[in-house]
C-alpha atoms as a PDB file:
ATOM      1  CA  MET A   1      -0.111   0.193   0.248  1.00  0.00           C
ATOM      2  CA  ALA A   2       2.979   2.319   0.962  1.00  0.00           C
ATOM      3  CA  GLU A   3       3.085   3.156  -3.412  1.00  0.00           C
ATOM      4  CA  LEU A   4      -0.433   4.294  -3.680  1.00  0.00           C
ATOM      5  CA  LEU A   5       0.516   7.336  -0.872  1.00  0.00           C
ATOM      6  CA  PRO A   6       1.404  10.873  -1.716  1.00  0.00           C
ATOM      7  CA  GLY A   7       5.085  11.016  -0.674  1.00  0.00           C
ATOM      8  CA  ARG A   8       5.822   7.434  -0.063  1.00  0.00           C
ATOM      9  CA  PRO A   9       8.957   6.147  -1.770  1.00  0.00           C
ATOM     10  CA  LYS A  10       8.031   3.907  -4.848  1.00  0.00           C
ATOM     11  CA  GLU A  11      10.197   0.552  -2.789  1.00  0.00           C
ATOM     12  CA  SER A  12       8.276  -0.084  -0.567  1.00  0.00           C
ATOM     13  CA  VAL A  13       9.841  -0.557   2.987  1.00  0.00           C
ATOM     14  CA  LEU A  14       7.623  -2.771   4.813  1.00  0.00           C
ATOM     15  CA  GLY A  15       8.047  -5.987   2.750  1.00  0.00           C
ATOM     16  CA  LYS A  16       5.262  -8.500   2.930  1.00  0.00           C
ATOM     17  CA  LEU A  17       2.670  -8.375   5.963  1.00  0.00           C
ATOM     18  CA  TRP A  18       0.211 -10.733   6.724  1.00  0.00           C
ATOM     19  CA  LEU A  19      -2.545  -8.543   8.342  1.00  0.00           C
ATOM     20  CA  LEU A  20      -4.895 -11.887   8.969  1.00  0.00           C
ATOM     21  CA  ASP A  21      -3.837 -15.380   9.693  1.00  0.00           C
ATOM     22  CA  ASP A  22      -4.772 -18.720   7.864  1.00  0.00           C
ATOM     23  CA  GLU A  23      -8.211 -18.482   9.867  1.00  0.00           C
ATOM     24  CA  GLY A  24      -8.818 -15.005   9.065  1.00  0.00           C
ATOM     25  CA  MET A  25      -7.811 -13.657  12.695  1.00  0.00           C
ATOM     26  CA  PRO A  26      -5.661 -10.366  13.151  1.00  0.00           C
ATOM     27  CA  SER A  27      -2.174 -11.226  12.749  1.00  0.00           C
ATOM     28  CA  SER A  28       0.603  -9.571  15.176  1.00  0.00           C
ATOM     29  CA  ALA A  29       1.606  -7.389  12.647  1.00  0.00           C
ATOM     30  CA  LEU A  30      -2.283  -6.225  12.240  1.00  0.00           C
ATOM     31  CA  HIS A  31      -2.313  -5.479  16.187  1.00  0.00           C
ATOM     32  CA  ARG A  32       0.835  -3.502  15.996  1.00  0.00           C
ATOM     33  CA  LEU A  33       0.107  -1.269  13.082  1.00  0.00           C
ATOM     34  CA  ALA A  34      -3.325  -0.788  14.763  1.00  0.00           C
ATOM     35  CA  VAL A  35      -1.811   0.499  17.543  1.00  0.00           C
ATOM     36  CA  GLU A  36       0.856   2.246  16.155  1.00  0.00           C
ATOM     37  CA  ALA A  37      -0.527   3.885  12.504  1.00  0.00           C
ATOM     38  CA  SER A  38      -4.178   4.086  13.597  1.00  0.00           C
ATOM     39  CA  GLU A  39      -6.559   5.964  15.580  1.00  0.00           C
ATOM     40  CA  HIS A  40      -9.272   3.460  16.317  1.00  0.00           C
ATOM     41  CA  GLY A  41      -6.362   0.863  18.233  1.00  0.00           C
ATOM     42  CA  HIS A  42      -9.216   1.077  20.636  1.00  0.00           C
ATOM     43  CA  GLN A  43     -11.508  -1.365  18.556  1.00  0.00           C
ATOM     44  CA  ALA A  44      -8.848  -3.426  17.400  1.00  0.00           C
ATOM     45  CA  PRO A  45     -10.673  -7.512  18.933  1.00  0.00           C
ATOM     46  CA  GLY A  46      -8.045  -8.646  21.597  1.00  0.00           C
ATOM     47  CA  ILE A  47      -6.263  -5.236  22.497  1.00  0.00           C
ATOM     48  CA  GLY A  48      -8.444  -2.762  22.337  1.00  0.00           C
ATOM     49  CA  ALA A  49      -9.741  -3.338  26.114  1.00  0.00           C
ATOM     50  CA  ASP A  50      -5.775  -2.914  26.678  1.00  0.00           C
ATOM     51  CA  ILE A  51      -5.694   0.458  24.896  1.00  0.00           C
ATOM     52  CA  ARG A  52      -8.824   1.886  26.597  1.00  0.00           C
ATOM     53  CA  HIS A  53      -6.837   1.238  30.013  1.00  0.00           C
ATOM     54  CA  LEU A  54      -4.103   3.132  28.735  1.00  0.00           C
ATOM     55  CA  HIS A  55      -5.824   6.109  27.821  1.00  0.00           C
ATOM     56  CA  SER A  56      -7.370   5.543  31.127  1.00  0.00           C
ATOM     57  CA  LEU A  57      -3.596   5.749  32.600  1.00  0.00           C
ATOM     58  CA  LEU A  58      -2.365   8.732  30.301  1.00  0.00           C
ATOM     59  CA  ARG A  59      -5.782  10.728  31.644  1.00  0.00           C
ATOM     60  CA  ALA A  60      -4.422   9.548  35.424  1.00  0.00           C
ATOM     61  CA  VAL A  61      -0.848  10.762  34.779  1.00  0.00           C
ATOM     62  CA  GLY A  62      -2.234  14.563  33.175  1.00  0.00           C
ATOM     63  CA  MET A  63      -0.692  13.518  29.904  1.00  0.00           C
ATOM     64  CA  LEU A  64      -4.629  13.448  28.129  1.00  0.00           C
ATOM     65  CA  PRO A  65      -7.464  15.813  28.777  1.00  0.00           C
ATOM     66  CA  VAL A  66      -9.984  13.927  31.245  1.00  0.00           C
ATOM     67  CA  ASN A  67     -13.069  14.673  28.138  1.00  0.00           C
ATOM     68  CA  SER A  68     -10.331  13.345  25.254  1.00  0.00           C
ATOM     69  CA  GLY A  69     -11.518  10.998  22.899  1.00  0.00           C
ATOM     70  CA  LEU A  70      -9.999   7.556  22.379  1.00  0.00           C
ATOM     71  CA  SER A  71      -7.390   8.854  19.588  1.00  0.00           C
ATOM     72  CA  ARG A  72      -4.190   7.852  18.323  1.00  0.00           C
ATOM     73  CA  ILE A  73      -1.347   7.896  20.785  1.00  0.00           C
ATOM     74  CA  SER A  74       2.165   7.501  19.703  1.00  0.00           C
ATOM     75  CA  GLY A  75       4.857   5.857  21.632  1.00  0.00           C
ATOM     76  CA  GLU A  76       7.016   8.909  22.605  1.00  0.00           C
ATOM     77  CA  THR A  77       3.786  10.188  24.256  1.00  0.00           C
ATOM     78  CA  VAL A  78       3.537   6.916  26.048  1.00  0.00           C
ATOM     79  CA  GLN A  79       6.883   6.240  27.085  1.00  0.00           C
ATOM     80  CA  HIS A  80       7.209   9.958  28.402  1.00  0.00           C
ATOM     81  CA  ALA A  81       4.200   9.962  30.349  1.00  0.00           C
ATOM     82  CA  ILE A  82       5.324   6.532  32.282  1.00  0.00           C
ATOM     83  CA  PHE A  83       8.706   7.886  32.836  1.00  0.00           C
ATOM     84  CA  ARG A  84       7.551  11.035  34.144  1.00  0.00           C
ATOM     85  CA  ALA A  85       5.369   9.101  36.464  1.00  0.00           C
ATOM     86  CA  LEU A  86       8.311   6.906  37.845  1.00  0.00           C
ATOM     87  CA  ARG A  87      10.318   9.907  38.146  1.00  0.00           C
ATOM     88  CA  SER A  88       8.111  11.640  40.340  1.00  0.00           C
ATOM     89  CA  ALA A  89       8.913   9.119  43.186  1.00  0.00           C
ATOM     90  CA  GLY A  90      12.887   9.745  42.610  1.00  0.00           C
ATOM     91  CA  PHE A  91      15.587   8.720  40.321  1.00  0.00           C
ATOM     92  CA  GLU A  92      16.036   5.007  42.153  1.00  0.00           C
ATOM     93  CA  ALA A  93      12.178   4.113  42.370  1.00  0.00           C
ATOM     94  CA  TYR A  94      12.537   5.442  38.281  1.00  0.00           C
ATOM     95  CA  THR A  95      15.047   3.049  37.368  1.00  0.00           C
ATOM     96  CA  ARG A  96      13.619   0.135  39.492  1.00  0.00           C
ATOM     97  CA  GLY A  97      10.054   0.276  37.779  1.00  0.00           C
ATOM     98  CA  ARG A  98      11.787   0.877  34.352  1.00  0.00           C
ATOM     99  CA  GLU A  99      13.577  -1.991  34.808  1.00  0.00           C
ATOM    100  CA  ALA A 100      10.805  -3.990  36.206  1.00  0.00           C
ATOM    101  CA  MET A 101       8.797  -3.352  33.401  1.00  0.00           C
ATOM    102  CA  VAL A 102      11.645  -4.656  30.975  1.00  0.00           C
ATOM    103  CA  ARG A 103      12.194  -7.603  33.036  1.00  0.00           C
ATOM    104  CA  THR A 104       9.383  -8.946  34.204  1.00  0.00           C
ATOM    105  CA  PRO A 105       6.142  -7.387  32.306  1.00  0.00           C
ATOM    106  CA  VAL A 106       4.374 -10.232  34.223  1.00  0.00           C
ATOM    107  CA  LEU A 107       3.979  -9.619  37.867  1.00  0.00           C
ATOM    108  CA  THR A 108       2.520 -11.852  40.555  1.00  0.00           C
ATOM    109  CA  ARG A 109       0.194  -9.599  42.604  1.00  0.00           C
ATOM    110  CA  ARG A 110       2.117 -10.022  45.716  1.00  0.00           C
ATOM    111  CA  ALA A 111       5.200  -8.953  43.853  1.00  0.00           C
ATOM    112  CA  LEU A 112       3.654  -5.765  42.518  1.00  0.00           C
ATOM    113  CA  SER A 113       2.324  -4.940  46.090  1.00  0.00           C
ATOM    114  CA  ARG A 114       6.118  -4.239  46.939  1.00  0.00           C
ATOM    115  CA  SER A 115       6.959  -1.820  44.471  1.00  0.00           C
ATOM    116  CA  THR A 116       4.764   1.890  45.597  1.00  0.00           C
ATOM    117  CA  ALA A 117       5.795   3.580  41.966  1.00  0.00           C
ATOM    118  CA  LEU A 118       4.134   0.675  40.034  1.00  0.00           C
ATOM    119  CA  VAL A 119       1.362   0.174  42.739  1.00  0.00           C
ATOM    120  CA  GLU A 120       0.400   4.272  42.036  1.00  0.00           C
ATOM    121  CA  LEU A 121       1.017   4.004  38.215  1.00  0.00           C
ATOM    122  CA  SER A 122      -1.720   1.385  37.752  1.00  0.00           C
ATOM    123  CA  ALA A 123       0.349   0.110  34.904  1.00  0.00           C
ATOM    124  CA  TYR A 124      -0.576  -3.672  35.638  1.00  0.00           C
ATOM    125  CA  ILE A 125      -3.471  -4.880  34.996  1.00  0.00           C
ATOM    126  CA  GLY A 126      -5.397  -8.650  35.242  1.00  0.00           C
ATOM    127  CA  ILE A 127      -4.191 -10.678  32.571  1.00  0.00           C
ATOM    128  CA  SER A 128      -6.401  -9.945  29.153  1.00  0.00           C
ATOM    129  CA  PRO A 129      -9.534 -13.346  28.549  1.00  0.00           C
ATOM    130  CA  THR A 130      -7.609 -13.253  25.047  1.00  0.00           C
ATOM    131  CA  ARG A 131      -4.399 -14.620  26.280  1.00  0.00           C
ATOM    132  CA  GLN A 132      -5.432 -17.183  28.872  1.00  0.00           C
ATOM    133  CA  PHE A 133      -6.742 -20.952  27.921  1.00  0.00           C
ATOM    134  CA  GLY A 134      -8.547 -22.967  30.707  1.00  0.00           C
ATOM    135  CA  GLY A 135      -7.581 -20.544  33.438  1.00  0.00           C
ATOM    136  CA  LEU A 136      -3.829 -20.722  32.181  1.00  0.00           C
ATOM    137  CA  TRP A 137      -1.166 -18.613  30.550  1.00  0.00           C
ATOM    138  CA  ALA A 138       2.023 -18.866  29.324  1.00  0.00           C
ATOM    139  CA  ALA A 139       4.999 -16.807  29.051  1.00  0.00           C
ATOM    140  CA  CYS A 140       7.212 -15.960  25.989  1.00  0.00           C
ATOM    141  CA  PRO A 141      10.736 -17.483  26.716  1.00  0.00           C
ATOM    142  CA  MET A 142      12.205 -14.213  25.202  1.00  0.00           C
ATOM    143  CA  CYS A 143       9.945 -11.074  26.469  1.00  0.00           C
ATOM    144  CA  ARG A 144       8.117 -12.701  29.227  1.00  0.00           C
ATOM    145  CA  TRP A 145       4.856 -11.511  28.303  1.00  0.00           C
ATOM    146  CA  THR A 146       1.880 -13.202  27.982  1.00  0.00           C
ATOM    147  CA  MET A 147       1.167 -15.111  24.483  1.00  0.00           C
ATOM    148  CA  PRO A 148      -1.895 -14.607  22.856  1.00  0.00           C
ATOM    149  CA  ALA A 149      -3.922 -17.878  22.971  1.00  0.00           C
ATOM    150  CA  THR A 150      -6.512 -18.881  19.661  1.00  0.00           C
ATOM    151  CA  PHE A 151      -8.703 -21.538  20.100  1.00  0.00           C
ATOM    152  CA  ARG A 152      -9.152 -23.156  17.008  1.00  0.00           C
ATOM    153  CA  PRO A 153     -12.492 -25.593  16.135  1.00  0.00           C
ATOM    154  CA  ASN A 154     -10.581 -29.015  16.895  1.00  0.00           C
ATOM    155  CA  GLY A 155     -10.136 -27.789  20.482  1.00  0.00           C
ATOM    156  CA  VAL A 156      -6.248 -27.073  20.029  1.00  0.00           C
ATOM    157  CA  VAL A 157      -4.924 -23.802  21.311  1.00  0.00           C
ATOM    158  CA  ASP A 158      -2.156 -21.724  19.303  1.00  0.00           C
ATOM    159  CA  VAL A 159      -0.408 -20.162  21.943  1.00  0.00           C
ATOM    160  CA  GLU A 160       2.527 -17.709  19.898  1.00  0.00           C
ATOM    161  CA  CYS A 161       4.283 -14.430  21.069  1.00  0.00           C
ATOM    162  CA  GLU A 162       2.984 -11.438  19.785  1.00  0.00           C
ATOM    163  CA  ASP A 163       6.138  -9.841  18.582  1.00  0.00           C
ATOM    164  CA  GLU A 164       7.113 -11.708  15.333  1.00  0.00           C
ATOM    165  CA  ARG A 165      10.514 -12.122  15.679  1.00  0.00           C
ATOM    166  CA  HIS A 166       9.836 -13.850  18.918  1.00  0.00           C
ATOM    167  CA  SER A 167       7.535 -16.155  17.038  1.00  0.00           C
ATOM    168  CA  ARG A 168      10.042 -16.614  14.165  1.00  0.00           C
ATOM    169  CA  LEU A 169      12.830 -17.394  16.868  1.00  0.00           C
ATOM    170  CA  GLY A 170      10.235 -20.352  18.062  1.00  0.00           C
ATOM    171  CA  ALA A 171       8.339 -19.024  20.876  1.00  0.00           C
ATOM    172  CA  GLN A 172       5.176 -20.869  19.079  1.00  0.00           C
ATOM    173  CA  TYR A 173       3.291 -23.781  20.737  1.00  0.00           C
ATOM    174  CA  ARG A 174      -0.083 -25.561  20.750  1.00  0.00           C
ATOM    175  CA  ALA A 175      -1.743 -26.191  23.831  1.00  0.00           C
ATOM    176  CA  GLU A 176      -3.284 -29.985  23.658  1.00  0.00           C
ATOM    177  CA  PRO A 177      -6.510 -30.618  26.238  1.00  0.00           C
ATOM    178  CA  THR A 178      -5.567 -33.623  27.847  1.00  0.00           C
ATOM    179  CA  ALA A 179      -8.020 -36.587  29.364  1.00  0.00           C
ATOM    180  CA  ALA A 180      -7.148 -35.424  32.797  1.00  0.00           C
ATOM    181  CA  GLU A 181      -8.522 -31.846  32.447  1.00  0.00           C
ATOM    182  CA  GLY A 182      -5.227 -30.273  31.817  1.00  0.00           C
ATOM    183  CA  TRP A 183      -3.489 -28.979  28.785  1.00  0.00           C
ATOM    184  CA  ASP A 184      -0.105 -30.375  27.430  1.00  0.00           C
ATOM    185  CA  LEU A 185       1.831 -27.483  25.708  1.00  0.00           C
ATOM    186  CA  VAL A 186       3.901 -28.323  22.749  1.00  0.00           C
ATOM    187  CA  PRO A 187       6.734 -26.713  21.143  1.00  0.00           C
ATOM    188  CA  CYS A 188       5.924 -25.908  17.636  1.00  0.00           C
ATOM    189  CA  GLY A 189       9.048 -24.091  16.297  1.00  0.00           C
ATOM    190  CA  GLU A 190      12.599 -24.636  16.487  1.00  0.00           C
ATOM    191  CA  LEU A 191      12.739 -23.272  20.472  1.00  0.00           C
ATOM    192  CA  ARG A 192      12.001 -26.724  22.586  1.00  0.00           C
ATOM    193  CA  ALA A 193      11.974 -24.745  25.919  1.00  0.00           C
ATOM    194  CA  VAL A 194       8.555 -24.835  26.981  1.00  0.00           C
ATOM    195  CA  PRO A 195       7.289 -22.171  29.305  1.00  0.00           C
ATOM    196  CA  GLU A 196       5.103 -23.198  32.445  1.00  0.00           C
ATOM    197  CA  MET A 197       1.587 -23.117  32.435  1.00  0.00           C
ATOM    198  CA  LEU A 198       0.578 -20.803  35.416  1.00  0.00           C
ATOM    199  CA  PRO A 199      -2.941 -19.950  36.849  1.00  0.00           C
ATOM    200  CA  VAL A 200      -4.474 -16.486  35.877  1.00  0.00           C
ATOM    201  CA  GLU A 201      -5.311 -15.957  39.422  1.00  0.00           C
ATOM    202  CA  GLY A 202      -2.805 -14.230  41.427  1.00  0.00           C
ATOM    203  CA  TYR A 203      -0.963 -12.700  38.268  1.00  0.00           C
ATOM    204  CA  VAL A 204      -1.259  -9.311  36.289  1.00  0.00           C
ATOM    205  CA  ALA A 205       0.495  -8.514  33.553  1.00  0.00           C
ATOM    206  CA  LEU A 206       1.373  -4.713  31.445  1.00  0.00           C
ATOM    207  CA  PRO A 207      -0.996  -3.835  28.564  1.00  0.00           C
ATOM    208  CA  TYR A 208      -0.541  -4.153  25.040  1.00  0.00           C
ATOM    209  CA  ALA A 209       1.059  -0.969  24.553  1.00  0.00           C
ATOM    210  CA  LEU A 210       3.327  -1.048  27.564  1.00  0.00           C
ATOM    211  CA  TRP A 211       4.559  -4.236  26.058  1.00  0.00           C
ATOM    212  CA  LEU A 212       5.325  -2.286  22.794  1.00  0.00           C
ATOM    213  CA  TRP A 213       6.938   0.987  23.792  1.00  0.00           C
ATOM    214  CA  VAL A 214       8.188   0.077  27.308  1.00  0.00           C
ATOM    215  CA  THR A 215       9.533  -3.917  27.546  1.00  0.00           C
ATOM    216  CA  LEU A 216      10.655  -4.443  23.972  1.00  0.00           C
ATOM    217  CA  PRO A 217      12.797  -1.431  23.534  1.00  0.00           C
ATOM    218  CA  GLY A 218      13.822  -2.008  26.959  1.00  0.00           C
ATOM    219  CA  LEU A 219      14.936  -5.444  26.154  1.00  0.00           C
ATOM    220  CA  LEU A 220      17.078  -4.150  23.586  1.00  0.00           C
ATOM    221  CA  GLU A 221      18.575  -1.643  25.431  1.00  0.00           C
ATOM    222  CA  VAL A 222      19.635  -4.004  28.439  1.00  0.00           C
ATOM    223  CA  GLU A 223      20.631  -6.422  25.650  1.00  0.00           C
ATOM    224  CA  LEU A 224      22.905  -3.423  24.203  1.00  0.00           C
ATOM    225  CA  ARG A 225      24.179  -2.475  27.365  1.00  0.00           C
ATOM    226  CA  ASP A 226      25.647  -5.939  28.129  1.00  0.00           C
ATOM    227  CA  ARG A 227      27.090  -6.096  25.055  1.00  0.00           C
ATOM    228  CA  LEU A 228      29.308  -3.445  24.912  1.00  0.00           C
ATOM    229  CA  VAL A 229      30.310  -3.451  28.325  1.00  0.00           C
ATOM    230  CA  ALA A 230      32.069  -6.709  27.205  1.00  0.00           C
ATOM    231  CA  LEU A 231      33.825  -5.056  24.512  1.00  0.00           C
ATOM    232  CA  GLY A 232      35.274  -3.055  27.562  1.00  0.00           C
ATOM    233  CA  ALA A 233      33.202  -0.245  26.652  1.00  0.00           C
ATOM    234  CA  GLU A 234      31.295   2.410  30.188  1.00  0.00           C
ATOM    235  CA  VAL A 235      27.594   2.386  29.604  1.00  0.00           C
ATOM    236  CA  ARG A 236      24.940   4.125  31.697  1.00  0.00           C
ATOM    237  CA  LEU A 237      21.648   3.226  31.076  1.00  0.00           C
ATOM    238  CA  TRP A 238      18.837   5.944  31.018  1.00  0.00           C
ATOM    239  CA  PRO A 239      21.533   8.460  32.313  1.00  0.00           C
ATOM    240  CA  PHE A 240      18.965  11.429  32.265  1.00  0.00           C
ATOM    241  CA  GLY A 241      15.280  10.142  32.326  1.00  0.00           C
ATOM    242  CA  ASP A 242      13.687   9.165  29.074  1.00  0.00           C
ATOM    243  CA  ALA A 243      16.121  12.180  27.164  1.00  0.00           C
ATOM    244  CA  TYR A 244      17.960   8.928  25.320  1.00  0.00           C
ATOM    245  CA  ASP A 245      18.514   5.226  26.297  1.00  0.00           C
ATOM    246  CA  LEU A 246      22.609   4.751  26.687  1.00  0.00           C
ATOM    247  CA  HIS A 247      25.678   6.829  27.064  1.00  0.00           C
ATOM    248  CA  VAL A 248      28.748   4.948  26.003  1.00  0.00           C
ATOM    249  CA  THR A 249      31.717   6.054  25.785  1.00  0.00           C
ATOM    250  CA  ARG A 250      35.393   4.296  25.812  1.00  0.00           C
ATOM    251  CA  SER A 251      38.424   4.586  28.219  1.00  0.00           C
ATOM    252  CA  GLY A 252      41.169   6.655  26.920  1.00  0.00           C
ATOM    253  CA  ARG A 253      38.902   7.927  23.983  1.00  0.00           C
ATOM    254  CA  SER A 254      37.119  10.886  24.189  1.00  0.00           C
ATOM    255  CA  ARG A 255      34.128   9.860  21.543  1.00  0.00           C
ATOM    256  CA  ALA A 256      30.957   9.275  23.383  1.00  0.00           C
ATOM    257  CA  TRP A 257      27.782   7.536  21.687  1.00  0.00           C
ATOM    258  CA  ARG A 258      24.424   8.756  23.085  1.00  0.00           C
ATOM    259  CA  VAL A 259      21.752   6.145  21.953  1.00  0.00           C
ATOM    260  CA  ASP A 260      18.375   5.966  21.469  1.00  0.00           C
ATOM    261  CA  VAL A 261      16.888   2.581  20.884  1.00  0.00           C
ATOM    262  CA  LYS A 262      13.514   2.318  18.450  1.00  0.00           C
ATOM    263  CA  THR A 263      11.789  -0.876  17.907  1.00  0.00           C
ATOM    264  CA  TRP A 264       8.268  -0.100  16.092  1.00  0.00           C
ATOM    265  CA  ALA A 265       6.846  -1.247  13.289  1.00  0.00           C
ATOM    266  CA  ASP A 266       5.737   1.612  11.241  1.00  0.00           C
ATOM    267  CA  PRO A 267       8.480   3.197   9.483  1.00  0.00           C
ATOM    268  CA  TYR A 268       6.920   6.353   8.891  1.00  0.00           C
ATOM    269  CA  GLY A 269       5.811   6.764  12.212  1.00  0.00           C
ATOM    270  CA  LEU A 270       9.287   6.105  13.334  1.00  0.00           C
ATOM    271  CA  ALA A 271      10.247   9.037  11.440  1.00  0.00           C
ATOM    272  CA  GLU A 272       8.077  11.280  12.395  1.00  0.00           C
ATOM    273  CA  LYS A 273       9.532  11.060  15.567  1.00  0.00           C
ATOM    274  CA  LEU A 274      13.348  10.932  14.787  1.00  0.00           C
ATOM    275  CA  ARG A 275      13.177  14.838  13.384  1.00  0.00           C
ATOM    276  CA  GLU A 276      13.553  16.040  17.199  1.00  0.00           C
ATOM    277  CA  ASP A 277      17.288  16.064  18.286  1.00  0.00           C
ATOM    278  CA  PRO A 278      17.170  15.888  22.196  1.00  0.00           C
ATOM    279  CA  GLU A 279      20.120  18.464  23.169  1.00  0.00           C
ATOM    280  CA  GLY A 280      23.246  17.191  25.087  1.00  0.00           C
ATOM    281  CA  PRO A 281      26.837  16.004  24.525  1.00  0.00           C
ATOM    282  CA  GLY A 282      28.053  13.588  22.189  1.00  0.00           C
ATOM    283  CA  GLU A 283      26.725  12.146  19.329  1.00  0.00           C
ATOM    284  CA  LEU A 284      23.332  11.020  19.089  1.00  0.00           C
ATOM    285  CA  CYS A 285      22.345   7.591  17.319  1.00  0.00           C
ATOM    286  CA  PHE A 286      19.131   6.346  16.856  1.00  0.00           C
ATOM    287  CA  VAL A 287      19.374   2.834  16.479  1.00  0.00           C
ATOM    288  CA  VAL A 288      16.744   0.051  15.451  1.00  0.00           C
ATOM    289  CA  PRO A 289      16.978  -3.963  15.677  1.00  0.00           C
ATOM    290  CA  GLU A 290      18.968  -5.597  13.028  1.00  0.00           C
ATOM    291  CA  HIS A 291      15.103  -7.217  11.460  1.00  0.00           C
ATOM    292  CA  LEU A 292      13.882  -3.161  10.557  1.00  0.00           C
ATOM    293  CA  ARG A 293      17.368  -3.092   8.728  1.00  0.00           C
ATOM    294  CA  GLY A 294      15.090  -2.508   5.320  1.00  0.00           C
ATOM    295  CA  TYR A 295      14.205   0.806   7.326  1.00  0.00           C
ATOM    296  CA  LEU A 296      17.667   2.282   7.467  1.00  0.00           C
ATOM    297  CA  PRO A 297      17.170   4.465   3.899  1.00  0.00           C
ATOM    298  CA  LEU A 298      13.639   6.102   4.999  1.00  0.00           C
ATOM    299  CA  LEU A 299      15.379   6.679   8.575  1.00  0.00           C
ATOM    300  CA  ARG A 300      18.255   8.549   6.981  1.00  0.00           C
ATOM    301  CA  ARG A 301      16.323  10.627   4.761  1.00  0.00           C
ATOM    302  CA  VAL A 302      14.746  12.316   7.656  1.00  0.00           C
ATOM    303  CA  VAL A 303      17.876  12.919   9.820  1.00  0.00           C
ATOM    304  CA  ARG A 304      20.020  13.972   6.768  1.00  0.00           C
ATOM    305  CA  GLY A 305      21.495  17.502   7.468  1.00  0.00           C
ATOM    306  CA  SER A 306      21.325  17.041  11.467  1.00  0.00           C
ATOM    307  CA  GLU A 307      24.485  15.306  13.392  1.00  0.00           C
ATOM    308  CA  ALA A 308      22.156  12.779  14.371  1.00  0.00           C
ATOM    309  CA  ARG A 309      22.861   9.214  12.714  1.00  0.00           C
ATOM    310  CA  VAL A 310      20.674   5.727  12.208  1.00  0.00           C
ATOM    311  CA  LEU A 311      21.667   2.588  13.420  1.00  0.00           C
ATOM    312  CA  THR A 312      20.860  -0.900  13.424  1.00  0.00           C
ATOM    313  CA  ASP A 313      22.172  -2.416  16.991  1.00  0.00           C
ATOM    314  CA  GLY A 314      24.839  -4.770  15.020  1.00  0.00           C
ATOM    315  CA  ASP A 315      26.369  -1.639  13.352  1.00  0.00           C
ATOM    316  CA  LEU A 316      26.341   0.041  16.822  1.00  0.00           C
ATOM    317  CA  VAL A 317      28.463  -2.604  18.614  1.00  0.00           C
ATOM    318  CA  ALA A 318      30.607  -2.878  15.389  1.00  0.00           C
ATOM    319  CA  GLU A 319      31.573   0.603  15.716  1.00  0.00           C
ATOM    320  CA  VAL A 320      32.375   1.056  19.112  1.00  0.00           C
ATOM    321  CA  LYS A 321      34.440  -2.524  18.930  1.00  0.00           C
ATOM    322  CA  ARG A 322      36.556  -0.759  16.422  1.00  0.00           C
ATOM    323  CA  ALA A 323      37.183   2.637  18.241  1.00  0.00           C
END
């Protein structure tokens, strides 16, 4: 469709996107585009309730007028609201809360009660009915978030991570009912590790948009930090709140990298967000995951003429290693 829209490049940066699965159900790509590029994400089957909760959360922290409608919300708006609310409790609480949302997008209610900042934020909610089967749920082995459960006519339930990359890497399973009124979880991809099936009762999870805009980029931020530290670099994670994500230096070298990680699937919405260059020392690098390398030509055109650059995570690691 990109070729039909005015001002779009002739070559498609989206590649092939399957918006419906073989059963005619919305795909994970459609869910993501509905949230990232549509004003009607709150009506999308399976994630609409999560989006409506997000609007309530943003109103509670003062980012949306009380009477505002359910309109499109950008990832930047969500991140800014969440991180600003966490920072109000102090930098230590901010760091702990942000890392918890990255590393533990699903918590027991008891564990959540021990974090005053997260309780006051009301970021975690009950596990969505679309992510449970027989009173159970299962976490993606890679991002640890709840996997959607799609019931098939034969009684089998497909359980697969919402993130296309995690699914391709093997986070896809089949839940089969057993004679003992239980379930067997069978791996369908190359990943043979089978996650534990846990009871819905007693657990809470981040809604879709917070997983999309806080957990997923946060995983890449933490992974990048670890990879760069292994190279001998000095890395500060989230050094100035949400101005950018990583401040990278090498001992004995004067160069510094300011890294802002982006993982969104909508290249044009992402391009709009790359136009702003936060102030501060050092060179700003927008970093996208390797599987979004096809977006680089478009994104680099957007930042042309500024001091900002756009790289993949692999490009950044190689560059810091050479420095």
